[in-house]
Amino acid sequence: MDANHERSLRDVARLQALKRTGLMDSLPEASYDRFARLAARLTASPSAFISLVSDQRQFFKATHGQEDSLRETPLTHSFCQYVASTGQPLAVEDARHHPTVKDNPAIKDSNVIAYLGSPLLAQGKCIGSLCVIDSQPRRWGWADRQALNDLAACINSEIELCLTTALSQRLAELMPALVYLADTVTGEILFRNQAARGYDLTPLGELDEVELTNAEGAVHRFSHRWVAFGEDQRLGMATRHG
C-alpha cells in the first residue's frame, strides 16, 4: 500500500463514521441482503457484496452468490479498500493486469477477476463499497456502473436514516419532558422516551392540559403539545407543572 492509501484508511473521522453506523460485525438484515441481490441481478453478476472497510479488514454486511459463512476478509484480499480510501468508484475488467490489484491474493484464492465497486458513505466519509464481481474478465458498461451507483445511493440514504433515527432517539432520552410517538388510528404508542415510560399515556389524546398517573399511582399535571407526524401519527411532548 502507498502512504496516501494507508493514511486514508486510517483516517480517524472515517473510522468514527464507520463505528457510528453500528454496521461493522452486525447481523444480516433483510434490507441490505435485498440490495446485494439487486446489484447482482441488475449487472448480471454472479456475486455481490456490501463491504465495510476498517483499517484492518473488510466485513460483509450482505452477500449474494457466495457461501453465507464468508463474512469478512483481511485487507490483503480486499479490492473494496481502494474505493474506501479514494471515495471513488472502481472498475476492474481483468484484475490480473490491473496496476492497483494485480498482486492481490483474492485473484488466486477467491477467483476475483472482474470487479465493480461504488462508494458507501456515512456522514460524508467513505466507509466501504457496494460491489459486484465475476470470475471471468469483463468490460463493465455504462448501465452496469449507473445501476450500481444508484443502488449505492439508496444504501447511503438507508445508512443516514438509521443514523438520524438513532440520534433523535438519544436526544429524546436526554429530555426531562415526556416524548412519545403515537398511531392516531389505533392509539398505540410507537415510541416513548425514558421519562415517559413511567406514565400511563392513554389520556393524552389532543388535550392541551392533562393529568397522568405514574407507576406508583401518583397523579401529575402536564402541559401537552403535539404535531402531526405523517398522515396517521402524532409526535407529542408533555411537560410537567412544578
Protein backbone atom coordinates (compact mmCIF):
# COMPACT_ATOMS: atom_id res chain seq x y z
CA MET A 1 0.00 0.00 0.00
CA ASP A 2 1.19 3.54 -0.66
CA ALA A 3 1.30 6.10 2.15
CA ASN A 4 -1.74 8.10 0.98
CA HIS A 5 -3.82 4.96 0.74
CA GLU A 6 -2.90 3.85 4.26
CA ARG A 7 -3.47 7.35 5.62
CA SER A 8 -6.94 7.47 4.11
CA LEU A 9 -7.90 4.08 5.51
CA ARG A 10 -6.68 5.08 8.97
CA ASP A 11 -8.33 8.49 8.93
CA VAL A 12 -9.88 8.94 12.37
CA ALA A 13 -13.00 10.72 11.10
CA ARG A 14 -13.65 7.95 8.57
CA LEU A 15 -13.25 5.21 11.19
CA GLN A 16 -15.51 7.09 13.63
CA ALA A 17 -18.20 7.43 10.96
CA LEU A 18 -17.96 3.69 10.31
CA LYS A 19 -18.26 2.94 14.03
CA ARG A 20 -21.30 5.22 14.44
CA THR A 21 -23.24 3.23 11.86
CA GLY A 22 -23.11 0.13 14.06
CA LEU A 23 -22.92 -1.98 10.90
CA MET A 24 -19.47 -3.48 11.43
CA ASP A 25 -19.84 -7.06 12.71
CA SER A 26 -23.64 -6.69 12.81
CA LEU A 27 -26.05 -9.49 11.95
CA PRO A 28 -27.52 -9.88 8.46
CA GLU A 29 -30.56 -7.71 7.71
CA ALA A 30 -33.15 -8.30 5.01
CA SER A 31 -32.96 -4.75 3.63
CA TYR A 32 -29.23 -4.96 2.97
CA ASP A 33 -29.49 -8.51 1.62
CA ARG A 34 -32.06 -7.17 -0.85
CA PHE A 35 -29.63 -4.53 -2.13
CA ALA A 36 -26.95 -7.16 -2.72
CA ARG A 37 -29.38 -9.33 -4.70
CA LEU A 38 -30.46 -6.34 -6.78
CA ALA A 39 -26.87 -5.38 -7.51
CA ALA A 40 -26.12 -8.86 -8.84
CA ARG A 41 -29.33 -9.00 -10.85
CA LEU A 42 -29.06 -5.55 -12.43
CA THR A 43 -25.47 -6.09 -13.51
CA ALA A 44 -25.90 -9.78 -14.38
CA SER A 45 -23.07 -10.63 -11.99
CA PRO A 46 -22.67 -13.94 -10.15
CA SER A 47 -21.71 -12.31 -6.82
CA ALA A 48 -22.35 -9.08 -4.95
CA PHE A 49 -21.25 -7.68 -1.60
CA ILE A 50 -21.95 -4.80 0.74
CA SER A 51 -18.47 -4.37 2.16
CA LEU A 52 -17.50 -2.21 5.13
CA VAL A 53 -13.81 -1.41 5.32
CA SER A 54 -11.90 -0.65 8.52
CA ASP A 55 -8.15 -0.04 8.67
CA GLN A 56 -7.52 -3.76 9.22
CA ARG A 57 -10.22 -5.80 7.46
CA GLN A 58 -13.37 -5.76 5.38
CA PHE A 59 -16.68 -7.00 6.76
CA PHE A 60 -19.53 -8.11 4.51
CA LYS A 61 -22.83 -6.75 5.76
CA ALA A 62 -24.55 -8.60 2.92
CA THR A 63 -23.51 -11.09 0.26
CA HIS A 64 -25.13 -12.73 -2.73
CA GLY A 65 -23.76 -15.68 -4.66
CA GLN A 66 -21.19 -16.61 -2.03
CA GLU A 67 -21.26 -19.03 0.88
CA ASP A 68 -23.04 -17.49 3.88
CA SER A 69 -20.11 -18.23 6.18
CA LEU A 70 -17.94 -15.71 4.32
CA ARG A 71 -18.44 -12.57 6.43
CA GLU A 72 -15.02 -10.91 6.29
CA THR A 73 -11.54 -10.97 4.79
CA PRO A 74 -8.25 -9.26 5.69
CA LEU A 75 -7.32 -6.18 3.67
CA THR A 76 -4.77 -8.30 1.81
CA HIS A 77 -7.74 -9.83 -0.04
CA SER A 78 -9.75 -6.62 -0.45
CA PHE A 79 -10.46 -4.66 -3.62
CA CYS A 80 -13.02 -2.53 -1.77
CA GLN A 81 -10.27 -0.89 0.29
CA TYR A 82 -9.37 1.21 -2.78
CA VAL A 83 -12.93 2.50 -3.02
CA ALA A 84 -12.88 3.28 0.70
CA SER A 85 -9.59 5.17 0.55
CA THR A 86 -10.46 7.27 -2.51
CA GLY A 87 -14.21 7.65 -2.17
CA GLN A 88 -14.45 6.92 -5.90
CA PRO A 89 -15.92 4.02 -7.93
CA LEU A 90 -13.51 1.34 -9.09
CA ALA A 91 -13.92 -0.72 -12.26
CA VAL A 92 -11.56 -3.64 -12.89
CA GLU A 93 -12.00 -5.55 -16.14
CA ASP A 94 -9.22 -8.08 -15.55
CA ALA A 95 -7.57 -7.96 -12.13
CA ARG A 96 -4.58 -9.98 -13.35
CA HIS A 97 -3.48 -6.99 -15.43
CA HIS A 98 -4.80 -4.09 -13.36
CA PRO A 99 -1.98 -1.96 -11.86
CA THR A 100 -3.72 -1.49 -8.50
CA VAL A 101 -4.86 -5.04 -7.73
CA LYS A 102 -2.80 -7.37 -9.94
CA ASP A 103 -0.92 -8.74 -6.90
CA ASN A 104 -3.98 -9.14 -4.68
CA PRO A 105 -4.27 -12.74 -3.34
CA ALA A 106 -8.06 -12.67 -3.89
CA ILE A 107 -7.38 -13.25 -7.59
CA LYS A 108 -5.99 -16.70 -6.88
CA ASP A 109 -7.71 -17.56 -3.60
CA SER A 110 -11.25 -16.37 -4.48
CA ASN A 111 -11.06 -16.22 -8.28
CA VAL A 112 -11.87 -12.49 -8.38
CA ILE A 113 -11.11 -11.42 -11.94
CA ALA A 114 -13.58 -8.63 -12.71
CA TYR A 115 -14.73 -6.12 -10.07
CA LEU A 116 -17.03 -3.10 -9.99
CA GLY A 117 -17.47 -1.10 -6.77
CA SER A 118 -19.36 2.07 -5.78
CA PRO A 119 -18.70 4.08 -2.59
CA LEU A 120 -20.81 3.71 0.54
CA LEU A 121 -20.92 6.84 2.67
CA ALA A 122 -21.75 7.80 6.26
CA GLN A 123 -21.64 11.41 7.40
CA GLY A 124 -19.72 12.29 4.26
CA LYS A 125 -17.00 9.67 4.80
CA CYS A 126 -16.47 6.61 2.61
CA ILE A 127 -16.89 3.53 4.78
CA GLY A 128 -16.94 0.79 2.16
CA SER A 129 -18.31 -0.34 -1.15
CA LEU A 130 -21.26 -1.95 -2.85
CA CYS A 131 -19.53 -4.24 -5.30
CA VAL A 132 -20.13 -6.99 -7.83
CA ILE A 133 -17.53 -9.49 -9.03
CA ASP A 134 -17.07 -12.02 -11.78
CA SER A 135 -14.67 -14.92 -12.21
CA GLN A 136 -14.17 -14.01 -15.87
CA PRO A 137 -12.72 -10.86 -17.47
CA ARG A 138 -15.48 -8.39 -18.15
CA ARG A 139 -15.99 -4.94 -19.61
CA TRP A 140 -18.34 -3.02 -17.33
CA GLY A 141 -20.79 -0.96 -19.38
CA TRP A 142 -22.39 2.38 -18.56
CA ALA A 143 -25.62 0.65 -17.50
CA ASP A 144 -23.71 -1.55 -15.02
CA ARG A 145 -21.95 1.44 -13.48
CA GLN A 146 -25.10 3.54 -13.28
CA ALA A 147 -27.14 0.74 -11.72
CA LEU A 148 -24.51 0.15 -9.05
CA ASN A 149 -24.15 3.88 -8.32
CA ASP A 150 -27.92 4.24 -7.96
CA LEU A 151 -28.14 1.28 -5.58
CA ALA A 152 -25.20 2.58 -3.56
CA ALA A 153 -27.01 5.93 -3.23
CA CYS A 154 -30.07 4.07 -1.88
CA ILE A 155 -27.90 2.26 0.68
CA ASN A 156 -26.32 5.58 1.67
CA SER A 157 -29.79 7.01 2.30
CA GLU A 158 -30.65 3.97 4.43
CA ILE A 159 -27.47 4.43 6.48
CA GLU A 160 -28.12 8.16 7.02
CA LEU A 161 -31.73 7.47 8.02
CA CYS A 162 -30.58 4.95 10.63
CA LEU A 163 -28.01 7.43 11.97
CA THR A 164 -30.61 10.21 12.16
CA THR A 165 -33.15 7.96 13.87
CA ALA A 166 -30.60 6.81 16.45
CA LEU A 167 -29.59 10.41 17.15
CA SER A 168 -33.20 11.52 17.54
CA GLN A 169 -33.92 8.72 19.99
CA ARG A 170 -30.83 9.55 22.04
CA LEU A 171 -31.81 13.23 22.16
CA ALA A 172 -35.31 12.26 23.29
CA GLU A 173 -33.82 10.19 26.11
CA LEU A 174 -31.99 13.27 27.40
CA MET A 175 -35.15 15.35 27.69
CA PRO A 176 -36.92 15.62 31.07
CA ALA A 177 -40.26 16.04 29.28
CA LEU A 178 -42.36 13.06 28.20
CA VAL A 179 -41.77 12.46 24.49
CA TYR A 180 -43.81 9.95 22.52
CA LEU A 181 -44.93 8.88 19.05
CA ALA A 182 -48.47 7.55 18.69
CA ASP A 183 -50.61 5.99 15.97
CA THR A 184 -53.64 8.28 15.65
CA VAL A 185 -55.82 5.49 14.25
CA THR A 186 -55.21 2.79 16.86
CA GLY A 187 -53.94 4.95 19.71
CA GLU A 188 -50.90 2.67 20.06
CA ILE A 189 -47.76 4.28 21.49
CA LEU A 190 -45.00 3.50 19.00
CA PHE A 191 -42.15 5.17 20.87
CA ARG A 192 -41.69 6.79 24.27
CA ASN A 193 -38.56 8.19 25.87
CA GLN A 194 -37.24 7.09 29.26
CA ALA A 195 -39.16 9.79 31.12
CA ALA A 196 -42.45 8.72 29.51
CA ARG A 197 -42.07 5.03 30.35
CA GLY A 198 -43.17 5.57 33.92
CA TYR A 199 -46.58 7.02 32.95
CA ASP A 200 -49.86 5.84 31.52
CA LEU A 201 -50.14 7.94 28.34
CA THR A 202 -53.66 6.81 27.46
CA PRO A 203 -55.38 10.09 28.47
CA LEU A 204 -53.24 12.31 26.25
CA GLY A 205 -55.32 12.48 23.09
CA GLU A 206 -55.32 16.03 21.73
CA LEU A 207 -55.64 17.76 25.11
CA ASP A 208 -53.50 20.79 25.95
CA GLU A 209 -53.60 20.10 29.67
CA VAL A 210 -53.79 16.59 31.10
CA GLU A 211 -53.33 14.63 34.29
CA LEU A 212 -51.20 11.48 34.03
CA THR A 213 -50.67 8.69 36.52
CA ASN A 214 -47.22 7.21 37.07
CA ALA A 215 -46.31 3.63 38.01
CA GLU A 216 -46.56 4.43 41.74
CA GLY A 217 -50.11 5.73 41.33
CA ALA A 218 -49.21 9.40 41.78
CA VAL A 219 -51.10 11.87 39.57
CA HIS A 220 -49.25 14.78 37.96
CA ARG A 221 -50.48 17.59 35.74
CA PHE A 222 -48.81 18.21 32.35
CA SER A 223 -48.90 20.75 29.55
CA HIS A 224 -49.21 18.79 26.33
CA ARG A 225 -48.18 19.77 22.80
CA TRP A 226 -48.17 17.65 19.67
CA VAL A 227 -47.70 17.83 15.90
CA ALA A 228 -48.81 15.57 13.07
CA PHE A 229 -46.09 13.15 12.03
CA GLY A 230 -47.03 11.77 8.64
CA GLU A 231 -50.65 11.03 7.84
CA ASP A 232 -51.55 8.82 10.79
CA GLN A 233 -49.06 9.51 13.57
CA ARG A 234 -48.69 12.09 16.29
CA LEU A 235 -45.41 13.27 17.84
CA GLY A 236 -46.03 14.75 21.26
CA MET A 237 -44.34 16.21 24.29
CA ALA A 238 -45.79 16.66 27.79
CA THR A 239 -44.10 18.97 30.31
CA ARG A 240 -44.88 18.54 34.00
CA HIS A 241 -46.12 21.53 36.02
CA GLY A 242 -43.97 22.48 39.00
